[in-house]
Amino acid sequence: MDSLNTFLTTLNTLSPLAVIGLLGTIIFLLVQGKTAADTKVDAIASNHLHDLPSIAESVKEMSETLRRIEQRMGEEFSYIRARLNGRS
């Protein structure tokens, strides 16, 4: 908190032109840093896309496996239901 007060006191003693220059420099550095960060994010975001074909194939295989399981469970449920109806 003391450093913030010292900083504000120093800004108060500077001329308005110096404060404008300081703010311009800060804005420039923030924009320049954001551009560099965006480049890194783009590189990271595009890096994981090379696995998409294998992921899609894996999902298709899982889908077919789940269909077979569902079909088998339906058949067994029908068998159990027929056995229960036959005994009643």
PDB file of N, CA and C in Angstrom:
ATOM      1  N   MET A   1       0.828  -1.184   0.000  1.00  0.00           N
ATOM      2  CA  MET A   1       0.000   0.000   0.000  1.00  0.00           C
ATOM      3  C   MET A   1       0.873   1.249   0.000  1.00  0.00           C
ATOM      4  N   ASP A   2       1.996   1.199   0.728  1.00  0.00           N
ATOM      5  CA  ASP A   2       2.890   2.362   0.768  1.00  0.00           C
ATOM      6  C   ASP A   2       3.520   2.616  -0.596  1.00  0.00           C
ATOM      7  N   SER A   3       3.839   1.538  -1.299  1.00  0.00           N
ATOM      8  CA  SER A   3       4.442   1.718  -2.621  1.00  0.00           C
ATOM      9  C   SER A   3       3.446   2.345  -3.595  1.00  0.00           C
ATOM     10  N   LEU A   4       2.151   1.998  -3.439  1.00  0.00           N
ATOM     11  CA  LEU A   4       1.124   2.606  -4.287  1.00  0.00           C
ATOM     12  C   LEU A   4       0.997   4.096  -3.990  1.00  0.00           C
ATOM     13  N   ASN A   5       1.032   4.454  -2.709  1.00  0.00           N
ATOM     14  CA  ASN A   5       0.978   5.872  -2.351  1.00  0.00           C
ATOM     15  C   ASN A   5       2.190   6.626  -2.880  1.00  0.00           C
ATOM     16  N   THR A   6       3.353   6.015  -2.800  1.00  0.00           N
ATOM     17  CA  THR A   6       4.577   6.641  -3.316  1.00  0.00           C
ATOM     18  C   THR A   6       4.476   6.825  -4.826  1.00  0.00           C
ATOM     19  N   PHE A   7       3.967   5.817  -5.509  1.00  0.00           N
ATOM     20  CA  PHE A   7       3.804   5.895  -6.961  1.00  0.00           C
ATOM     21  C   PHE A   7       2.837   7.010  -7.352  1.00  0.00           C
ATOM     22  N   LEU A   8       1.703   7.086  -6.659  1.00  0.00           N
ATOM     23  CA  LEU A   8       0.725   8.134  -6.965  1.00  0.00           C
ATOM     24  C   LEU A   8       1.274   9.527  -6.650  1.00  0.00           C
ATOM     25  N   THR A   9       2.047   9.654  -5.593  1.00  0.00           N
ATOM     26  CA  THR A   9       2.665  10.940  -5.270  1.00  0.00           C
ATOM     27  C   THR A   9       3.657  11.341  -6.350  1.00  0.00           C
ATOM     28  N   THR A  10       4.426  10.369  -6.831  1.00  0.00           N
ATOM     29  CA  THR A  10       5.379  10.646  -7.910  1.00  0.00           C
ATOM     30  C   THR A  10       4.650  11.063  -9.183  1.00  0.00           C
ATOM     31  N   LEU A  11       3.545  10.389  -9.502  1.00  0.00           N
ATOM     32  CA  LEU A  11       2.759  10.772 -10.679  1.00  0.00           C
ATOM     33  C   LEU A  11       2.179  12.177 -10.524  1.00  0.00           C
ATOM     34  N   ASN A  12       1.807  12.541  -9.325  1.00  0.00           N
ATOM     35  CA  ASN A  12       1.234  13.859  -9.074  1.00  0.00           C
ATOM     36  C   ASN A  12       2.262  14.965  -9.292  1.00  0.00           C
ATOM     37  N   THR A  13       3.545  14.664  -9.033  1.00  0.00           N
ATOM     38  CA  THR A  13       4.581  15.684  -9.216  1.00  0.00           C
ATOM     39  C   THR A  13       5.009  15.815 -10.675  1.00  0.00           C
ATOM     40  N   LEU A  14       4.698  14.826 -11.500  1.00  0.00           N
ATOM     41  CA  LEU A  14       5.085  14.887 -12.916  1.00  0.00           C
ATOM     42  C   LEU A  14       4.143  15.816 -13.682  1.00  0.00           C
ATOM     43  N   SER A  15       4.608  16.229 -14.837  1.00  0.00           N
ATOM     44  CA  SER A  15       3.771  17.068 -15.690  1.00  0.00           C
ATOM     45  C   SER A  15       2.714  16.200 -16.369  1.00  0.00           C
ATOM     46  N   PRO A  16       1.615  16.803 -16.815  1.00  0.00           N
ATOM     47  CA  PRO A  16       0.578  16.027 -17.502  1.00  0.00           C
ATOM     48  C   PRO A  16       1.102  15.318 -18.748  1.00  0.00           C
ATOM     49  N   LEU A  17       2.033  15.938 -19.447  1.00  0.00           N
ATOM     50  CA  LEU A  17       2.601  15.311 -20.642  1.00  0.00           C
ATOM     51  C   LEU A  17       3.384  14.051 -20.277  1.00  0.00           C
ATOM     52  N   ALA A  18       4.090  14.075 -19.165  1.00  0.00           N
ATOM     53  CA  ALA A  18       4.839  12.897 -18.726  1.00  0.00           C
ATOM     54  C   ALA A  18       3.886  11.770 -18.334  1.00  0.00           C
ATOM     55  N   VAL A  19       2.771  12.105 -17.685  1.00  0.00           N
ATOM     56  CA  VAL A  19       1.792  11.089 -17.304  1.00  0.00           C
ATOM     57  C   VAL A  19       1.168  10.471 -18.548  1.00  0.00           C
ATOM     58  N   ILE A  20       0.849  11.284 -19.541  1.00  0.00           N
ATOM     59  CA  ILE A  20       0.293  10.775 -20.801  1.00  0.00           C
ATOM     60  C   ILE A  20       1.293   9.853 -21.492  1.00  0.00           C
ATOM     61  N   GLY A  21       2.553  10.231 -21.493  1.00  0.00           N
ATOM     62  CA  GLY A  21       3.594   9.398 -22.084  1.00  0.00           C
ATOM     63  C   GLY A  21       3.743   8.076 -21.353  1.00  0.00           C
ATOM     64  N   LEU A  22       3.683   8.136 -20.019  1.00  0.00           N
ATOM     65  CA  LEU A  22       3.775   6.913 -19.229  1.00  0.00           C
ATOM     66  C   LEU A  22       2.602   5.991 -19.510  1.00  0.00           C
ATOM     67  N   LEU A  23       1.396   6.535 -19.570  1.00  0.00           N
ATOM     68  CA  LEU A  23       0.222   5.726 -19.879  1.00  0.00           C
ATOM     69  C   LEU A  23       0.303   5.137 -21.286  1.00  0.00           C
ATOM     70  N   GLY A  24       0.789   5.928 -22.228  1.00  0.00           N
ATOM     71  CA  GLY A  24       0.959   5.420 -23.593  1.00  0.00           C
ATOM     72  C   GLY A  24       1.940   4.258 -23.642  1.00  0.00           C
ATOM     73  N   THR A  25       3.027   4.378 -22.880  1.00  0.00           N
ATOM     74  CA  THR A  25       4.018   3.300 -22.826  1.00  0.00           C
ATOM     75  C   THR A  25       3.415   2.042 -22.213  1.00  0.00           C
ATOM     76  N   ILE A  26       2.649   2.215 -21.140  1.00  0.00           N
ATOM     77  CA  ILE A  26       2.023   1.063 -20.486  1.00  0.00           C
ATOM     78  C   ILE A  26       1.045   0.372 -21.432  1.00  0.00           C
ATOM     79  N   ILE A  27       0.237   1.159 -22.138  1.00  0.00           N
ATOM     80  CA  ILE A  27      -0.724   0.578 -23.085  1.00  0.00           C
ATOM     81  C   ILE A  27       0.000  -0.157 -24.203  1.00  0.00           C
ATOM     82  N   PHE A  28       1.086   0.438 -24.703  1.00  0.00           N
ATOM     83  CA  PHE A  28       1.869  -0.208 -25.759  1.00  0.00           C
ATOM     84  C   PHE A  28       2.427  -1.545 -25.278  1.00  0.00           C
ATOM     85  N   LEU A  29       2.971  -1.579 -24.069  1.00  0.00           N
ATOM     86  CA  LEU A  29       3.528  -2.823 -23.545  1.00  0.00           C
ATOM     87  C   LEU A  29       2.450  -3.875 -23.331  1.00  0.00           C
ATOM     88  N   LEU A  30       1.266  -3.457 -22.882  1.00  0.00           N
ATOM     89  CA  LEU A  30       0.180  -4.412 -22.705  1.00  0.00           C
ATOM     90  C   LEU A  30      -0.289  -4.994 -24.034  1.00  0.00           C
ATOM     91  N   VAL A  31      -0.399  -4.160 -25.050  1.00  0.00           N
ATOM     92  CA  VAL A  31      -0.825  -4.636 -26.363  1.00  0.00           C
ATOM     93  C   VAL A  31       0.237  -5.557 -26.964  1.00  0.00           C
ATOM     94  N   GLN A  32       1.490  -5.191 -26.817  1.00  0.00           N
ATOM     95  CA  GLN A  32       2.566  -6.022 -27.338  1.00  0.00           C
ATOM     96  C   GLN A  32       2.600  -7.372 -26.614  1.00  0.00           C
ATOM     97  N   GLY A  33       2.403  -7.382 -25.312  1.00  0.00           N
ATOM     98  CA  GLY A  33       2.377  -8.629 -24.548  1.00  0.00           C
ATOM     99  C   GLY A  33       1.184  -9.486 -24.922  1.00  0.00           C
ATOM    100  N   LYS A  34       0.037  -8.861 -25.184  1.00  0.00           N
ATOM    101  CA  LYS A  34      -1.154  -9.615 -25.565  1.00  0.00           C
ATOM    102  C   LYS A  34      -0.956 -10.279 -26.922  1.00  0.00           C
ATOM    103  N   THR A  35      -0.309  -9.610 -27.834  1.00  0.00           N
ATOM    104  CA  THR A  35      -0.053 -10.191 -29.150  1.00  0.00           C
ATOM    105  C   THR A  35       0.849 -11.419 -29.031  1.00  0.00           C
ATOM    106  N   ALA A  36       1.864 -11.339 -28.200  1.00  0.00           N
ATOM    107  CA  ALA A  36       2.754 -12.481 -28.003  1.00  0.00           C
ATOM    108  C   ALA A  36       2.010 -13.621 -27.333  1.00  0.00           C
ATOM    109  N   ALA A  37       1.161 -13.308 -26.380  1.00  0.00           N
ATOM    110  CA  ALA A  37       0.388 -14.350 -25.703  1.00  0.00           C
ATOM    111  C   ALA A  37      -0.604 -14.990 -26.668  1.00  0.00           C
ATOM    112  N   ASP A  38      -1.221 -14.197 -27.538  1.00  0.00           N
ATOM    113  CA  ASP A  38      -2.153 -14.762 -28.515  1.00  0.00           C
ATOM    114  C   ASP A  38      -1.458 -15.736 -29.450  1.00  0.00           C
ATOM    115  N   THR A  39      -0.231 -15.432 -29.838  1.00  0.00           N
ATOM    116  CA  THR A  39       0.528 -16.325 -30.706  1.00  0.00           C
ATOM    117  C   THR A  39       0.787 -17.651 -29.998  1.00  0.00           C
ATOM    118  N   LYS A  40       1.131 -17.595 -28.720  1.00  0.00           N
ATOM    119  CA  LYS A  40       1.374 -18.825 -27.965  1.00  0.00           C
ATOM    120  C   LYS A  40       0.093 -19.633 -27.820  1.00  0.00           C
ATOM    121  N   VAL A  41      -1.018 -18.960 -27.561  1.00  0.00           N
ATOM    122  CA  VAL A  41      -2.296 -19.655 -27.409  1.00  0.00           C
ATOM    123  C   VAL A  41      -2.694 -20.313 -28.725  1.00  0.00           C
ATOM    124  N   ASP A  42      -2.493 -19.622 -29.851  1.00  0.00           N
ATOM    125  CA  ASP A  42      -2.810 -20.210 -31.152  1.00  0.00           C
ATOM    126  C   ASP A  42      -1.964 -21.450 -31.414  1.00  0.00           C
ATOM    127  N   ALA A  43      -0.694 -21.399 -31.046  1.00  0.00           N
ATOM    128  CA  ALA A  43       0.183 -22.543 -31.259  1.00  0.00           C
ATOM    129  C   ALA A  43      -0.263 -23.724 -30.412  1.00  0.00           C
ATOM    130  N   ILE A  44      -0.668 -23.462 -29.183  1.00  0.00           N
ATOM    131  CA  ILE A  44      -1.125 -24.534 -28.309  1.00  0.00           C
ATOM    132  C   ILE A  44      -2.467 -25.072 -28.781  1.00  0.00           C
ATOM    133  N   ALA A  45      -3.367 -24.192 -29.178  1.00  0.00           N
ATOM    134  CA  ALA A  45      -4.708 -24.607 -29.583  1.00  0.00           C
ATOM    135  C   ALA A  45      -4.673 -25.447 -30.857  1.00  0.00           C
ATOM    136  N   SER A  46      -3.811 -25.127 -31.779  1.00  0.00           N
ATOM    137  CA  SER A  46      -3.778 -25.874 -33.035  1.00  0.00           C
ATOM    138  C   SER A  46      -2.943 -27.151 -32.926  1.00  0.00           C
ATOM    139  N   ASN A  47      -2.235 -27.326 -31.862  1.00  0.00           N
ATOM    140  CA  ASN A  47      -1.344 -28.461 -31.718  1.00  0.00           C
ATOM    141  C   ASN A  47      -2.083 -29.764 -31.445  1.00  0.00           C
ATOM    142  N   HIS A  48      -3.209 -29.720 -30.793  1.00  0.00           N
ATOM    143  CA  HIS A  48      -3.890 -30.950 -30.397  1.00  0.00           C
ATOM    144  C   HIS A  48      -4.810 -31.511 -31.478  1.00  0.00           C
ATOM    145  N   LEU A  49      -4.904 -30.872 -32.612  1.00  0.00           N
ATOM    146  CA  LEU A  49      -5.834 -31.308 -33.650  1.00  0.00           C
ATOM    147  C   LEU A  49      -5.322 -32.489 -34.473  1.00  0.00           C
ATOM    148  N   HIS A  50      -4.066 -32.838 -34.347  1.00  0.00           N
ATOM    149  CA  HIS A  50      -3.542 -33.934 -35.156  1.00  0.00           C
ATOM    150  C   HIS A  50      -4.112 -35.285 -34.729  1.00  0.00           C
ATOM    151  N   ASP A  51      -4.679 -35.393 -33.542  1.00  0.00           N
ATOM    152  CA  ASP A  51      -5.246 -36.650 -33.068  1.00  0.00           C
ATOM    153  C   ASP A  51      -6.711 -36.839 -33.455  1.00  0.00           C
ATOM    154  N   LEU A  52      -7.330 -35.880 -34.078  1.00  0.00           N
ATOM    155  CA  LEU A  52      -8.761 -35.969 -34.367  1.00  0.00           C
ATOM    156  C   LEU A  52      -9.152 -37.182 -35.211  1.00  0.00           C
ATOM    157  N   PRO A  53      -8.447 -37.544 -36.263  1.00  0.00           N
ATOM    158  CA  PRO A  53      -8.862 -38.740 -37.020  1.00  0.00           C
ATOM    159  C   PRO A  53      -8.857 -40.012 -36.173  1.00  0.00           C
ATOM    160  N   SER A  54      -7.848 -40.193 -35.350  1.00  0.00           N
ATOM    161  CA  SER A  54      -7.806 -41.396 -34.513  1.00  0.00           C
ATOM    162  C   SER A  54      -8.885 -41.345 -33.434  1.00  0.00           C
ATOM    163  N   ILE A  55      -9.186 -40.147 -32.914  1.00  0.00           N
ATOM    164  CA  ILE A  55     -10.252 -40.011 -31.921  1.00  0.00           C
ATOM    165  C   ILE A  55     -11.595 -40.344 -32.555  1.00  0.00           C
ATOM    166  N   ALA A  56     -11.824 -39.875 -33.777  1.00  0.00           N
ATOM    167  CA  ALA A  56     -13.082 -40.156 -34.473  1.00  0.00           C
ATOM    168  C   ALA A  56     -13.237 -41.649 -34.728  1.00  0.00           C
ATOM    169  N   GLU A  57     -12.174 -42.309 -35.133  1.00  0.00           N
ATOM    170  CA  GLU A  57     -12.224 -43.754 -35.370  1.00  0.00           C
ATOM    171  C   GLU A  57     -12.511 -44.500 -34.071  1.00  0.00           C
ATOM    172  N   SER A  58     -11.888 -44.060 -33.002  1.00  0.00           N
ATOM    173  CA  SER A  58     -12.115 -44.687 -31.696  1.00  0.00           C
ATOM    174  C   SER A  58     -13.563 -44.527 -31.250  1.00  0.00           C
ATOM    175  N   VAL A  59     -14.135 -43.357 -31.491  1.00  0.00           N
ATOM    176  CA  VAL A  59     -15.535 -43.122 -31.126  1.00  0.00           C
ATOM    177  C   VAL A  59     -16.459 -44.011 -31.953  1.00  0.00           C
ATOM    178  N   LYS A  60     -16.156 -44.188 -33.237  1.00  0.00           N
ATOM    179  CA  LYS A  60     -16.968 -45.082 -34.077  1.00  0.00           C
ATOM    180  C   LYS A  60     -16.911 -46.519 -33.566  1.00  0.00           C
ATOM    181  N   GLU A  61     -15.719 -46.979 -33.180  1.00  0.00           N
ATOM    182  CA  GLU A  61     -15.579 -48.330 -32.650  1.00  0.00           C
ATOM    183  C   GLU A  61     -16.357 -48.491 -31.350  1.00  0.00           C
ATOM    184  N   MET A  62     -16.280 -47.496 -30.471  1.00  0.00           N
ATOM    185  CA  MET A  62     -17.034 -47.566 -29.216  1.00  0.00           C
ATOM    186  C   MET A  62     -18.529 -47.554 -29.470  1.00  0.00           C
ATOM    187  N   SER A  63     -18.955 -46.792 -30.456  1.00  0.00           N
ATOM    188  CA  SER A  63     -20.372 -46.714 -30.785  1.00  0.00           C
ATOM    189  C   SER A  63     -20.880 -48.075 -31.258  1.00  0.00           C
ATOM    190  N   GLU A  64     -20.124 -48.726 -32.111  1.00  0.00           N
ATOM    191  CA  GLU A  64     -20.531 -50.042 -32.593  1.00  0.00           C
ATOM    192  C   GLU A  64     -20.521 -51.075 -31.469  1.00  0.00           C
ATOM    193  N   THR A  65     -19.549 -50.991 -30.584  1.00  0.00           N
ATOM    194  CA  THR A  65     -19.508 -51.895 -29.437  1.00  0.00           C
ATOM    195  C   THR A  65     -20.726 -51.686 -28.547  1.00  0.00           C
ATOM    196  N   LEU A  66     -21.079 -50.454 -28.294  1.00  0.00           N
ATOM    197  CA  LEU A  66     -22.250 -50.163 -27.462  1.00  0.00           C
ATOM    198  C   LEU A  66     -23.541 -50.630 -28.128  1.00  0.00           C
ATOM    199  N   ARG A  67     -23.629 -50.523 -29.450  1.00  0.00           N
ATOM    200  CA  ARG A  67     -24.808 -51.033 -30.165  1.00  0.00           C
ATOM    201  C   ARG A  67     -24.933 -52.545 -29.998  1.00  0.00           C
ATOM    202  N   ARG A  68     -23.803 -53.253 -30.111  1.00  0.00           N
ATOM    203  CA  ARG A  68     -23.832 -54.709 -29.933  1.00  0.00           C
ATOM    204  C   ARG A  68     -24.248 -55.074 -28.511  1.00  0.00           C
ATOM    205  N   ILE A  69     -23.738 -54.340 -27.530  1.00  0.00           N
ATOM    206  CA  ILE A  69     -24.104 -54.609 -26.141  1.00  0.00           C
ATOM    207  C   ILE A  69     -25.591 -54.349 -25.935  1.00  0.00           C
ATOM    208  N   GLU A  70     -26.072 -53.246 -26.500  1.00  0.00           N
ATOM    209  CA  GLU A  70     -27.496 -52.922 -26.371  1.00  0.00           C
ATOM    210  C   GLU A  70     -28.358 -54.003 -27.025  1.00  0.00           C
ATOM    211  N   GLN A  71     -27.966 -54.465 -28.192  1.00  0.00           N
ATOM    212  CA  GLN A  71     -28.708 -55.522 -28.890  1.00  0.00           C
ATOM    213  C   GLN A  71     -28.728 -56.798 -28.058  1.00  0.00           C
ATOM    214  N   ARG A  72     -27.586 -57.151 -27.531  1.00  0.00           N
ATOM    215  CA  ARG A  72     -27.484 -58.370 -26.717  1.00  0.00           C
ATOM    216  C   ARG A  72     -28.337 -58.255 -25.456  1.00  0.00           C
ATOM    217  N   MET A  73     -28.304 -57.095 -24.795  1.00  0.00           N
ATOM    218  CA  MET A  73     -29.100 -56.901 -23.588  1.00  0.00           C
ATOM    219  C   MET A  73     -30.593 -56.967 -23.911  1.00  0.00           C
ATOM    220  N   GLY A  74     -30.991 -56.432 -25.048  1.00  0.00           N
ATOM    221  CA  GLY A  74     -32.389 -56.513 -25.472  1.00  0.00           C
ATOM    222  C   GLY A  74     -32.828 -57.944 -25.693  1.00  0.00           C
ATOM    223  N   GLU A  75     -31.966 -58.740 -26.335  1.00  0.00           N
ATOM    224  CA  GLU A  75     -32.286 -60.145 -26.570  1.00  0.00           C
ATOM    225  C   GLU A  75     -32.418 -60.899 -25.253  1.00  0.00           C
ATOM    226  N   GLU A  76     -31.504 -60.648 -24.332  1.00  0.00           N
ATOM    227  CA  GLU A  76     -31.557 -61.350 -23.056  1.00  0.00           C
ATOM    228  C   GLU A  76     -32.766 -60.901 -22.234  1.00  0.00           C
ATOM    229  N   PHE A  77     -33.101 -59.628 -22.310  1.00  0.00           N
ATOM    230  CA  PHE A  77     -34.280 -59.138 -21.604  1.00  0.00           C
ATOM    231  C   PHE A  77     -35.543 -59.783 -22.175  1.00  0.00           C
ATOM    232  N   SER A  78     -35.587 -59.922 -23.491  1.00  0.00           N
ATOM    233  CA  SER A  78     -36.738 -60.587 -24.121  1.00  0.00           C
ATOM    234  C   SER A  78     -36.829 -62.042 -23.683  1.00  0.00           C
ATOM    235  N   TYR A  79     -35.694 -62.715 -23.584  1.00  0.00           N
ATOM    236  CA  TYR A  79     -35.674 -64.105 -23.144  1.00  0.00           C
ATOM    237  C   TYR A  79     -36.192 -64.225 -21.708  1.00  0.00           C
ATOM    238  N   ILE A  80     -35.709 -63.357 -20.825  1.00  0.00           N
ATOM    239  CA  ILE A  80     -36.150 -63.385 -19.429  1.00  0.00           C
ATOM    240  C   ILE A  80     -37.650 -63.084 -19.338  1.00  0.00           C
ATOM    241  N   ARG A  81     -38.092 -62.140 -20.100  1.00  0.00           N
ATOM    242  CA  ARG A  81     -39.523 -61.773 -20.084  1.00  0.00           C
ATOM    243  C   ARG A  81     -40.375 -62.944 -20.607  1.00  0.00           C
ATOM    244  N   ALA A  82     -39.897 -63.600 -21.653  1.00  0.00           N
ATOM    245  CA  ALA A  82     -40.643 -64.749 -22.186  1.00  0.00           C
ATOM    246  C   ALA A  82     -40.671 -65.888 -21.173  1.00  0.00           C
ATOM    247  N   ARG A  83     -39.574 -66.101 -20.471  1.00  0.00           N
ATOM    248  CA  ARG A  83     -39.551 -67.154 -19.441  1.00  0.00           C
ATOM    249  C   ARG A  83     -40.513 -66.847 -18.318  1.00  0.00           C
ATOM    250  N   LEU A  84     -40.567 -65.563 -17.906  1.00  0.00           N
ATOM    251  CA  LEU A  84     -41.483 -65.176 -16.827  1.00  0.00           C
ATOM    252  C   LEU A  84     -42.922 -65.310 -17.266  1.00  0.00           C
ATOM    253  N   ASN A  85     -43.226 -64.938 -18.499  1.00  0.00           N
ATOM    254  CA  ASN A  85     -44.601 -65.044 -19.007  1.00  0.00           C
ATOM    255  C   ASN A  85     -45.000 -66.516 -19.177  1.00  0.00           C
ATOM    256  N   GLY A  86     -44.068 -67.364 -19.519  1.00  0.00           N
ATOM    257  CA  GLY A  86     -44.366 -68.778 -19.712  1.00  0.00           C
ATOM    258  C   GLY A  86     -44.696 -69.485 -18.409  1.00  0.00           C
ATOM    259  N   ARG A  87     -44.146 -69.044 -17.310  1.00  0.00           N
ATOM    260  CA  ARG A  87     -44.366 -69.694 -16.018  1.00  0.00           C
ATOM    261  C   ARG A  87     -45.616 -69.196 -15.328  1.00  0.00           C
ATOM    262  N   SER A  88     -46.085 -67.971 -15.650  1.00  0.00           N
ATOM    263  CA  SER A  88     -47.238 -67.437 -14.942  1.00  0.00           C
ATOM    264  C   SER A  88     -48.531 -68.089 -15.362  1.00  0.00           C
TER     265      SER A  88
END
